[in-house]
Amino acid sequence: MFRTKLNPDGTLNRHKARLVAQGFKQEFDIDYKETFSPVAKMPTIRIMLTIALNRHWPVLQLDVSNAFLHGHLQEEVYMHQPQGFIDENHPDYVCKLHKTIYGLKQAPRQWFTTFTAFLQTNGFIFSKLDPSLLIYDHGNIQLYILLYVDDILITGSHQNSISTLIRKLQTAFSLKELGPISFFLGIQVLHTKSGYFLSQAQYAQDVLQAANLLNCKPSQTPIAMKPPTTVTSFLDADPIQYRRLAGCLQYLTITRPDIAFATNMICQKMHQPSGQDFNALKRLLRYIQGTQQFGLPITRGPLHLRSFSDSDWASNPLDRKSISGFCSFLGNSLVSWCVKKQLTVAKSSTEAEYRSLASATSDIIWLQRLLADFHITLTAPTSLSCDSSSALALANNPVFHARTKHIEIDYHFIRERILSKEIDVQHINSVDQPADILTKPLSLARFRLLRDKLTIQPPES
């Protein structure tokens, strides 16, 4: 396999050639058994950057060359001799693999097992909240390693211990230290006066180029209040290209929650996109064209966790299911958000808001426990704001009636978290609700207001 590797600005970095096995010919339970390999969750990355920034810790990036070649095979696997390297004396011989190679289905899992086993022998333990986060906590020394396949982030309180650990890793693996974090998983990390700025400008440009919309007229909002009735011939109505672009846009939402709702709507129509769906995709791409440089800042501030929850009741005209949306801030930095269609039809707007509260509560509990791994002690209950008075009344008061009997489990779940003082549900005016941008189309003025509340902005000059 031949690949061209690019720099963050799109210029050529180097050419790569790699031997890849034809893993699609492997048979389950003969050539492989387990294939799952954990990867870092995006909220974990944002939380690590926020905490390291506030504690003035360095965040270093490591890269492993040919990572999968370090994994040890547990199964007996044979491979044909590679083309161009066939032994003339024994052309029918095959290669027996002792270690994993790119293309094998179990290669990512075996690499993860090999690397984490080495860290465990050096005193690291797994985080129970994110298995790709490994923690070293002895005395006054705290080190954190975050693993995403062969891309590694390391931070901690003791610079000498970090340097010692990197030297050990370089001895055991073909590892390069890339210095302070600058380009991670396609995300450009700019160092600004106030902190970090996460941007996917080059990735957004690549998506627009794939859609032939690099020089199109920008749109002011990502989704129209009312869908247009005219149908365009965008992409010549190619559903395969539609699905490809929809998948690319999902990855773009890592730093762009302002397009999360529009992307969610587009991805719901991937099985059979209509003319209106193509129009919606084109409008979203036109919005991205005008906001390519926008991104998510990570700034210093008090490490208080606060969340906002909202829903749009029965918004889908086809199945009448509601949309849930919530977002969480750690200090001034947005670290987690979600847009999701509810699984069942809500009988009332109260129920829809209540389901959204339950989803936000689950996320808050996970964030609280993850922060505990970073030794962040929350002295007060996490504020969870909602603009539905009836949903808040249902959460605070043990009152059941005919229309809430079927949501009893959610009631007990939220109620217990309120009584244990893990969360504190509060009312917020609908005008000030930032999660509103995650649940419905908005007018230009309101969209820009809420986008600013989510801190999505162009980079500092």
Protein backbone atom coordinates (compact mmCIF):
# COMPACT_ATOMS: atom_id res chain seq x y z
CA MET A 1 0.00 0.00 0.00
CA PHE A 2 1.30 3.45 -0.94
CA ARG A 3 0.22 6.56 0.93
CA THR A 4 1.02 10.25 0.89
CA LYS A 5 1.26 11.78 4.37
CA LEU A 6 0.44 15.49 4.64
CA ASN A 7 1.28 18.25 7.09
CA PRO A 8 -1.49 20.14 9.00
CA ASP A 9 -1.47 22.85 6.30
CA GLY A 10 -1.97 20.27 3.51
CA THR A 11 1.61 20.31 2.20
CA LEU A 12 3.51 17.09 1.50
CA ASN A 13 5.24 15.50 4.50
CA ARG A 14 6.52 12.20 3.11
CA HIS A 15 5.63 9.17 1.00
CA LYS A 16 4.96 5.88 2.77
CA ALA A 17 4.93 2.29 1.54
CA ARG A 18 3.61 -0.53 3.71
CA LEU A 19 3.17 -4.28 3.40
CA VAL A 20 -0.47 -5.13 4.19
CA ALA A 21 -1.86 -8.64 4.59
CA GLN A 22 -5.20 -9.58 3.02
CA GLY A 23 -7.05 -9.85 6.31
CA PHE A 24 -10.41 -10.13 4.56
CA LYS A 25 -9.52 -13.76 3.86
CA GLN A 26 -9.19 -14.58 7.57
CA GLU A 27 -11.76 -16.92 9.12
CA PHE A 28 -13.22 -16.34 12.57
CA ASP A 29 -12.08 -18.75 15.32
CA ILE A 30 -9.33 -20.08 13.03
CA ASP A 31 -7.17 -17.07 12.17
CA TYR A 32 -8.54 -14.68 14.79
CA LYS A 33 -10.94 -14.50 17.74
CA GLU A 34 -11.21 -11.03 19.31
CA THR A 35 -10.69 -7.86 17.29
CA PHE A 36 -11.99 -5.02 19.49
CA SER A 37 -9.40 -2.43 20.52
CA PRO A 38 -10.30 0.56 22.75
CA VAL A 39 -9.66 4.06 21.45
CA ALA A 40 -9.72 7.30 23.40
CA LYS A 41 -13.06 9.08 23.76
CA MET A 42 -13.11 12.64 22.48
CA PRO A 43 -14.40 14.13 25.78
CA THR A 44 -11.43 12.48 27.51
CA ILE A 45 -9.03 14.26 25.14
CA ARG A 46 -10.70 17.62 25.69
CA ILE A 47 -10.74 17.13 29.48
CA MET A 48 -7.07 16.14 29.53
CA LEU A 49 -6.14 19.28 27.57
CA THR A 50 -8.26 21.48 29.85
CA ILE A 51 -6.77 20.09 33.05
CA ALA A 52 -3.19 20.14 31.73
CA LEU A 53 -3.67 23.76 30.64
CA ASN A 54 -4.98 24.84 34.05
CA ARG A 55 -2.20 23.00 35.89
CA HIS A 56 0.51 24.23 33.49
CA TRP A 57 1.48 20.68 32.56
CA PRO A 58 3.16 19.95 29.22
CA VAL A 59 1.15 17.87 26.74
CA LEU A 60 3.53 15.89 24.56
CA GLN A 61 2.67 13.88 21.49
CA LEU A 62 4.29 10.55 20.65
CA ASP A 63 4.08 8.53 17.47
CA VAL A 64 4.91 4.86 17.05
CA SER A 65 6.41 3.80 13.73
CA ASN A 66 4.84 0.60 12.40
CA ALA A 67 2.86 0.14 15.61
CA PHE A 68 1.03 -3.03 14.56
CA LEU A 69 4.31 -4.85 13.93
CA HIS A 70 4.95 -4.90 17.70
CA GLY A 71 1.91 -7.05 18.56
CA HIS A 72 2.39 -10.74 19.29
CA LEU A 73 0.14 -13.24 17.55
CA GLN A 74 -1.68 -15.81 19.67
CA GLU A 75 -3.14 -17.68 16.68
CA GLU A 76 -1.29 -19.59 13.97
CA VAL A 77 -1.47 -17.48 10.83
CA TYR A 78 0.20 -18.03 7.47
CA MET A 79 0.64 -15.54 4.63
CA HIS A 80 1.62 -15.87 0.98
CA GLN A 81 5.00 -14.45 0.02
CA PRO A 82 4.65 -10.73 -0.88
CA GLN A 83 4.65 -9.83 -4.56
CA GLY A 84 8.15 -8.82 -5.64
CA PHE A 85 9.79 -10.72 -2.77
CA ILE A 86 9.02 -14.32 -3.77
CA ASP A 87 11.81 -16.84 -3.16
CA GLU A 88 12.84 -18.16 -6.58
CA ASN A 89 13.97 -21.49 -5.13
CA HIS A 90 10.79 -22.06 -3.12
CA PRO A 91 7.97 -20.11 -4.81
CA ASP A 92 5.28 -22.29 -3.16
CA TYR A 93 6.46 -21.67 0.39
CA VAL A 94 4.36 -19.48 2.70
CA CYS A 95 5.32 -17.20 5.59
CA LYS A 96 4.40 -18.08 9.17
CA LEU A 97 3.67 -14.90 11.12
CA HIS A 98 4.99 -14.64 14.68
CA LYS A 99 3.93 -11.02 15.11
CA THR A 100 0.96 -9.07 13.78
CA ILE A 101 1.12 -7.20 10.50
CA TYR A 102 -1.04 -4.47 9.00
CA GLY A 103 -4.22 -5.88 7.51
CA LEU A 104 -4.81 -8.62 10.10
CA LYS A 105 -8.10 -8.26 11.90
CA GLN A 106 -6.56 -8.77 15.35
CA ALA A 107 -3.59 -6.42 14.74
CA PRO A 108 -5.03 -3.34 16.55
CA ARG A 109 -6.06 -5.41 19.58
CA GLN A 110 -2.68 -7.14 19.89
CA TRP A 111 -0.82 -3.82 19.58
CA PHE A 112 -2.98 -2.30 22.32
CA THR A 113 -2.38 -5.34 24.56
CA THR A 114 1.39 -5.24 24.00
CA PHE A 115 1.73 -1.50 24.63
CA THR A 116 -0.51 -1.36 27.72
CA ALA A 117 1.18 -4.46 29.20
CA PHE A 118 4.51 -2.62 29.01
CA LEU A 119 3.00 0.41 30.76
CA GLN A 120 1.49 -1.77 33.48
CA THR A 121 4.90 -3.24 34.25
CA ASN A 122 6.04 0.35 34.85
CA GLY A 123 3.34 1.12 37.41
CA PHE A 124 0.47 2.38 35.23
CA ILE A 125 -3.12 1.30 35.78
CA PHE A 126 -6.19 1.53 33.53
CA SER A 127 -8.81 4.18 34.10
CA LYS A 128 -12.14 2.49 34.79
CA LEU A 129 -13.97 5.21 32.82
CA ASP A 130 -11.89 5.14 29.64
CA PRO A 131 -9.79 2.01 29.01
CA SER A 132 -7.50 3.93 26.64
CA LEU A 133 -6.41 6.23 29.52
CA LEU A 134 -3.59 4.89 31.69
CA ILE A 135 -2.64 6.53 34.99
CA TYR A 136 0.54 6.57 37.06
CA ASP A 137 -0.10 7.97 40.55
CA HIS A 138 2.65 7.51 43.13
CA GLY A 139 3.43 10.14 45.73
CA ASN A 140 3.53 13.58 44.16
CA ILE A 141 4.01 12.20 40.65
CA GLN A 142 0.96 11.98 38.40
CA LEU A 143 1.34 10.86 34.78
CA TYR A 144 -1.41 10.27 32.21
CA ILE A 145 -1.11 8.50 28.86
CA LEU A 146 -3.92 8.56 26.32
CA LEU A 147 -3.76 6.02 23.50
CA TYR A 148 -5.53 6.23 20.15
CA VAL A 149 -4.09 3.33 18.08
CA ASP A 150 -0.52 4.56 17.38
CA ASP A 151 -1.06 8.21 18.39
CA ILE A 152 -0.19 8.86 22.03
CA LEU A 153 -0.60 11.85 24.32
CA ILE A 154 1.32 12.09 27.58
CA THR A 155 1.06 14.68 30.32
CA GLY A 156 1.79 14.88 34.00
CA SER A 157 3.07 16.83 36.96
CA HIS A 158 6.74 15.78 36.82
CA GLN A 159 8.81 16.63 33.74
CA ASN A 160 11.74 14.35 34.64
CA SER A 161 9.43 11.36 35.09
CA ILE A 162 7.88 12.04 31.67
CA SER A 163 11.33 12.16 30.06
CA THR A 164 12.35 8.91 31.79
CA LEU A 165 9.18 7.17 30.64
CA ILE A 166 9.67 8.35 27.04
CA ARG A 167 13.21 6.93 27.03
CA LYS A 168 11.88 3.58 28.24
CA LEU A 169 9.22 3.58 25.53
CA GLN A 170 11.79 4.44 22.87
CA THR A 171 13.87 1.47 24.01
CA ALA A 172 10.95 -0.96 23.75
CA PHE A 173 9.20 0.46 20.66
CA SER A 174 10.10 2.44 17.54
CA LEU A 175 8.75 5.63 19.03
CA LYS A 176 9.24 9.26 18.07
CA GLU A 177 8.69 12.26 20.33
CA LEU A 178 6.90 14.94 18.32
CA GLY A 179 7.12 17.65 20.99
CA PRO A 180 4.14 19.63 22.32
CA ILE A 181 0.80 18.62 20.86
CA SER A 182 0.16 20.31 17.52
CA PHE A 183 -1.66 17.89 15.20
CA PHE A 184 -3.56 14.95 16.68
CA LEU A 185 -6.05 12.68 14.87
CA GLY A 186 -6.51 15.22 12.11
CA ILE A 187 -7.16 17.98 14.67
CA GLN A 188 -4.84 20.96 14.58
CA VAL A 189 -4.04 22.21 18.09
CA LEU A 190 -2.98 25.86 18.00
CA HIS A 191 -1.24 27.35 21.04
CA THR A 192 -2.76 30.76 21.83
CA LYS A 193 -2.35 33.29 24.61
CA SER A 194 -5.46 31.99 26.37
CA GLY A 195 -4.78 28.27 25.89
CA TYR A 196 -5.43 25.85 23.00
CA PHE A 197 -7.53 26.16 19.89
CA LEU A 198 -8.81 22.94 18.29
CA SER A 199 -9.44 23.24 14.57
CA GLN A 200 -10.14 20.92 11.62
CA ALA A 201 -9.76 23.58 8.93
CA GLN A 202 -7.68 21.39 6.60
CA TYR A 203 -10.06 18.47 7.03
CA ALA A 204 -13.05 20.72 6.26
CA GLN A 205 -11.28 21.90 3.11
CA ASP A 206 -10.69 18.30 2.03
CA VAL A 207 -14.40 17.51 2.50
CA LEU A 208 -15.40 20.52 0.41
CA GLN A 209 -12.93 19.55 -2.29
CA ALA A 210 -14.38 16.00 -2.38
CA ALA A 211 -17.82 17.57 -2.95
CA ASN A 212 -16.55 20.04 -5.58
CA LEU A 213 -17.82 22.93 -3.43
CA LEU A 214 -14.52 24.56 -2.54
CA ASN A 215 -15.50 27.83 -4.21
CA CYS A 216 -19.25 27.79 -3.54
CA LYS A 217 -21.25 30.65 -2.07
CA PRO A 218 -21.27 30.39 1.78
CA SER A 219 -24.46 29.89 3.76
CA GLN A 220 -25.16 31.72 7.01
CA THR A 221 -26.70 28.76 8.87
CA PRO A 222 -26.13 24.99 8.54
CA ILE A 223 -29.79 24.04 8.17
CA ALA A 224 -32.86 25.83 6.82
CA MET A 225 -35.84 26.68 9.01
CA LYS A 226 -38.09 25.31 6.25
CA PRO A 227 -36.72 22.86 3.66
CA PRO A 228 -36.77 24.19 0.07
CA THR A 229 -39.22 22.59 -2.35
CA THR A 230 -36.96 22.77 -5.41
CA VAL A 231 -34.63 19.84 -5.99
CA THR A 232 -31.10 20.40 -7.32
CA SER A 233 -28.86 17.96 -9.17
CA PHE A 234 -26.11 18.22 -6.53
CA LEU A 235 -23.64 15.30 -6.88
CA ASP A 236 -25.99 13.99 -9.60
CA ALA A 237 -28.04 12.44 -6.79
CA ASP A 238 -25.32 9.88 -6.02
CA PRO A 239 -26.30 8.11 -2.74
CA ILE A 240 -22.81 6.61 -2.32
CA GLN A 241 -21.20 10.05 -2.39
CA TYR A 242 -23.94 11.30 -0.04
CA ARG A 243 -23.06 8.60 2.51
CA ARG A 244 -19.35 9.26 2.13
CA LEU A 245 -19.75 12.98 2.81
CA ALA A 246 -22.17 12.34 5.68
CA GLY A 247 -19.57 10.12 7.34
CA CYS A 248 -16.89 12.79 6.87
CA LEU A 249 -19.15 15.40 8.45
CA GLN A 250 -19.61 13.20 11.51
CA TYR A 251 -15.88 13.37 12.15
CA LEU A 252 -15.93 17.14 11.64
CA THR A 253 -18.33 17.50 14.59
CA ILE A 254 -15.42 16.63 16.94
CA THR A 255 -14.58 20.34 17.05
CA ARG A 256 -17.77 21.77 15.53
CA PRO A 257 -20.86 21.22 17.72
CA ASP A 258 -22.57 24.00 15.76
CA ILE A 259 -23.08 21.51 12.89
CA ALA A 260 -23.95 18.53 15.12
CA PHE A 261 -27.73 18.82 14.69
CA ALA A 262 -27.59 19.35 10.91
CA THR A 263 -25.19 16.40 10.56
CA ASN A 264 -27.50 14.23 12.67
CA MET A 265 -30.41 15.04 10.37
CA ILE A 266 -28.37 14.22 7.27
CA CYS A 267 -27.09 10.92 8.66
CA GLN A 268 -30.65 9.75 9.38
CA LYS A 269 -31.33 9.70 5.61
CA MET A 270 -28.24 7.78 4.49
CA HIS A 271 -30.18 4.63 3.52
CA GLN A 272 -32.24 6.38 0.83
CA PRO A 273 -31.52 10.10 0.42
CA SER A 274 -34.09 12.20 -1.41
CA GLY A 275 -33.69 15.41 -3.36
CA GLN A 276 -34.42 17.47 -0.25
CA ASP A 277 -31.73 15.54 1.64
CA PHE A 278 -29.21 16.43 -1.05
CA ASN A 279 -30.24 20.08 -0.71
CA ALA A 280 -29.75 19.88 3.07
CA LEU A 281 -26.29 18.35 2.61
CA LYS A 282 -25.32 21.05 0.12
CA ARG A 283 -26.48 23.81 2.47
CA LEU A 284 -24.44 22.35 5.33
CA LEU A 285 -21.35 22.16 3.12
CA ARG A 286 -21.92 25.78 2.06
CA TYR A 287 -22.06 26.78 5.73
CA ILE A 288 -18.80 24.93 6.38
CA GLN A 289 -17.24 26.73 3.40
CA GLY A 290 -17.87 30.05 5.11
CA THR A 291 -16.66 28.87 8.53
CA GLN A 292 -13.70 26.62 7.66
CA GLN A 293 -11.44 28.27 10.23
CA PHE A 294 -13.91 27.99 13.12
CA GLY A 295 -12.99 25.73 15.99
CA LEU A 296 -13.21 25.01 19.70
CA PRO A 297 -11.04 26.93 22.21
CA ILE A 298 -9.71 25.33 25.40
CA THR A 299 -9.10 28.06 27.97
CA ARG A 300 -8.11 28.44 31.60
CA GLY A 301 -10.72 28.96 34.29
CA PRO A 302 -12.24 27.51 37.45
CA LEU A 303 -12.73 23.75 36.94
CA HIS A 304 -16.45 23.68 37.68
CA LEU A 305 -18.66 21.26 35.75
CA ARG A 306 -22.01 22.54 34.44
CA SER A 307 -24.41 21.06 31.92
CA PHE A 308 -27.41 22.07 29.83
CA SER A 309 -30.17 19.81 28.54
CA ASP A 310 -32.91 20.40 25.97
CA SER A 311 -35.22 18.50 23.62
CA ASP A 312 -37.50 19.15 20.66
CA TRP A 313 -40.74 17.23 21.14
CA ALA A 314 -42.08 15.08 18.25
CA SER A 315 -39.98 17.04 15.76
CA ASN A 316 -39.72 14.23 13.20
CA PRO A 317 -42.88 14.33 11.03
CA LEU A 318 -42.43 10.70 9.95
CA ASP A 319 -42.02 8.78 13.22
CA ARG A 320 -42.86 11.63 15.67
CA LYS A 321 -39.80 10.90 17.80
CA SER A 322 -38.11 13.70 19.73
CA ILE A 323 -34.54 14.97 19.60
CA SER A 324 -32.42 15.14 22.76
CA GLY A 325 -29.44 17.43 23.11
CA PHE A 326 -27.11 18.27 25.96
CA CYS A 327 -23.70 19.89 26.44
CA SER A 328 -21.26 20.10 29.35
CA PHE A 329 -18.65 22.73 30.21
CA LEU A 330 -15.58 22.30 32.37
CA GLY A 331 -14.84 25.84 33.41
CA ASN A 332 -15.12 27.91 30.24
CA SER A 333 -14.30 25.01 27.92
CA LEU A 334 -16.90 22.89 26.17
CA VAL A 335 -15.86 19.26 26.75
CA SER A 336 -18.89 17.10 25.89
CA TRP A 337 -22.08 17.31 23.83
CA CYS A 338 -24.59 15.01 22.21
CA VAL A 339 -27.40 15.11 19.66
CA LYS A 340 -29.57 12.01 19.51
CA LYS A 341 -33.02 10.96 18.42
CA GLN A 342 -34.94 9.39 21.29
CA LEU A 343 -35.62 5.66 20.95
CA THR A 344 -39.34 5.85 21.74
CA VAL A 345 -42.14 8.30 21.04
CA ALA A 346 -42.74 10.71 23.93
CA LYS A 347 -46.36 11.27 24.90
CA SER A 348 -45.73 14.85 25.99
CA SER A 349 -43.09 17.56 25.86
CA THR A 350 -42.52 16.95 29.57
CA GLU A 351 -41.57 13.35 28.89
CA ALA A 352 -39.26 14.35 26.04
CA GLU A 353 -37.46 16.89 28.24
CA TYR A 354 -37.30 14.35 31.05
CA ARG A 355 -35.69 11.74 28.82
CA SER A 356 -33.12 14.32 27.78
CA LEU A 357 -32.45 15.11 31.44
CA ALA A 358 -31.81 11.41 32.07
CA SER A 359 -29.32 11.22 29.19
CA ALA A 360 -27.50 14.33 30.40
CA THR A 361 -27.40 12.93 33.94
CA SER A 362 -25.73 9.73 32.71
CA ASP A 363 -23.09 11.80 30.92
CA ILE A 364 -22.53 13.98 33.99
CA ILE A 365 -21.92 10.94 36.20
CA TRP A 366 -19.33 9.64 33.73
CA LEU A 367 -17.63 13.05 33.57
CA GLN A 368 -17.55 13.36 37.38
CA ARG A 369 -15.87 9.98 37.75
CA LEU A 370 -13.41 10.75 34.96
CA LEU A 371 -12.49 14.04 36.67
CA ALA A 372 -11.85 12.06 39.87
CA ASP A 373 -9.15 10.13 37.98
CA PHE A 374 -7.47 13.51 37.37
CA HIS A 375 -7.82 14.38 41.08
CA ILE A 376 -10.43 17.04 40.40
CA THR A 377 -12.70 17.31 43.43
CA LEU A 378 -16.09 18.85 42.76
CA THR A 379 -17.12 20.65 45.93
CA ALA A 380 -20.69 21.33 44.78
CA PRO A 381 -23.33 19.37 42.83
CA THR A 382 -23.07 19.69 39.06
CA SER A 383 -25.56 22.23 37.76
CA LEU A 384 -27.90 20.73 35.13
CA SER A 385 -30.04 23.44 33.53
CA CYS A 386 -33.29 22.77 31.68
CA ASP A 387 -35.93 25.15 30.30
CA SER A 388 -38.90 22.88 31.10
CA SER A 389 -40.52 23.69 34.46
CA SER A 390 -42.69 20.58 34.35
CA ALA A 391 -39.70 18.27 33.78
CA LEU A 392 -37.88 19.90 36.68
CA ALA A 393 -40.94 19.53 38.91
CA LEU A 394 -41.13 15.85 38.02
CA ALA A 395 -37.45 15.40 38.87
CA ASN A 396 -37.70 17.18 42.22
CA ASN A 397 -41.06 15.95 43.50
CA PRO A 398 -42.14 12.30 43.98
CA VAL A 399 -45.49 12.69 42.23
CA PHE A 400 -46.80 10.15 39.71
CA HIS A 401 -49.91 10.39 37.61
CA ALA A 402 -51.33 8.62 34.60
CA ARG A 403 -49.06 10.31 32.05
CA THR A 404 -45.78 9.54 33.87
CA LYS A 405 -46.27 5.95 35.02
CA HIS A 406 -44.24 4.54 32.15
CA ILE A 407 -41.15 6.68 32.91
CA GLU A 408 -40.77 5.50 36.49
CA ILE A 409 -37.24 4.11 36.00
CA ASP A 410 -35.90 7.41 34.72
CA TYR A 411 -37.66 9.14 37.60
CA HIS A 412 -35.86 7.04 40.19
CA PHE A 413 -32.53 7.42 38.39
CA ILE A 414 -32.58 11.25 38.33
CA ARG A 415 -34.21 11.53 41.74
CA GLU A 416 -31.46 9.47 43.41
CA ARG A 417 -28.76 11.63 41.84
CA ILE A 418 -30.46 14.78 43.13
CA LEU A 419 -30.80 13.36 46.66
CA SER A 420 -27.14 12.25 46.68
CA LYS A 421 -26.20 15.82 45.63
CA GLU A 422 -24.38 14.68 42.51
CA ILE A 423 -26.49 16.98 40.33
CA ASP A 424 -28.61 20.04 40.94
CA VAL A 425 -31.35 20.60 38.36
CA GLN A 426 -32.11 24.24 37.70
CA HIS A 427 -34.40 26.21 35.45
CA ILE A 428 -33.00 28.34 32.66
CA ASN A 429 -34.80 30.70 30.35
CA SER A 430 -35.28 29.27 26.86
CA VAL A 431 -33.57 32.34 25.39
CA ASP A 432 -30.37 31.53 27.31
CA GLN A 433 -30.42 27.77 26.67
CA PRO A 434 -27.22 26.88 24.72
CA ALA A 435 -28.36 23.28 24.14
CA ASP A 436 -31.17 24.66 21.95
CA ILE A 437 -28.71 24.74 19.02
CA LEU A 438 -28.40 20.94 19.29
CA THR A 439 -32.10 20.14 18.88
CA LYS A 440 -33.70 22.26 16.15
CA PRO A 441 -33.16 24.64 13.19
CA LEU A 442 -32.75 28.25 14.29
CA SER A 443 -32.93 31.71 12.79
CA LEU A 444 -29.66 33.43 11.91
CA ALA A 445 -29.62 35.80 14.91
CA ARG A 446 -30.44 33.06 17.42
CA PHE A 447 -28.03 30.59 15.83
CA ARG A 448 -25.14 33.03 16.08
CA LEU A 449 -26.03 33.86 19.69
CA LEU A 450 -26.00 30.21 20.74
CA ARG A 451 -22.90 29.44 18.67
CA ASP A 452 -21.11 32.11 20.68
CA LYS A 453 -22.39 30.52 23.90
CA LEU A 454 -20.82 27.24 22.79
CA THR A 455 -17.57 29.25 22.26
CA ILE A 456 -17.29 28.20 18.58
CA GLN A 457 -15.25 30.92 16.92
CA PRO A 458 -12.43 31.63 14.45
CA PRO A 459 -8.85 31.48 15.81
CA GLU A 460 -7.33 34.45 17.59
CA SER A 461 -5.48 36.87 15.34
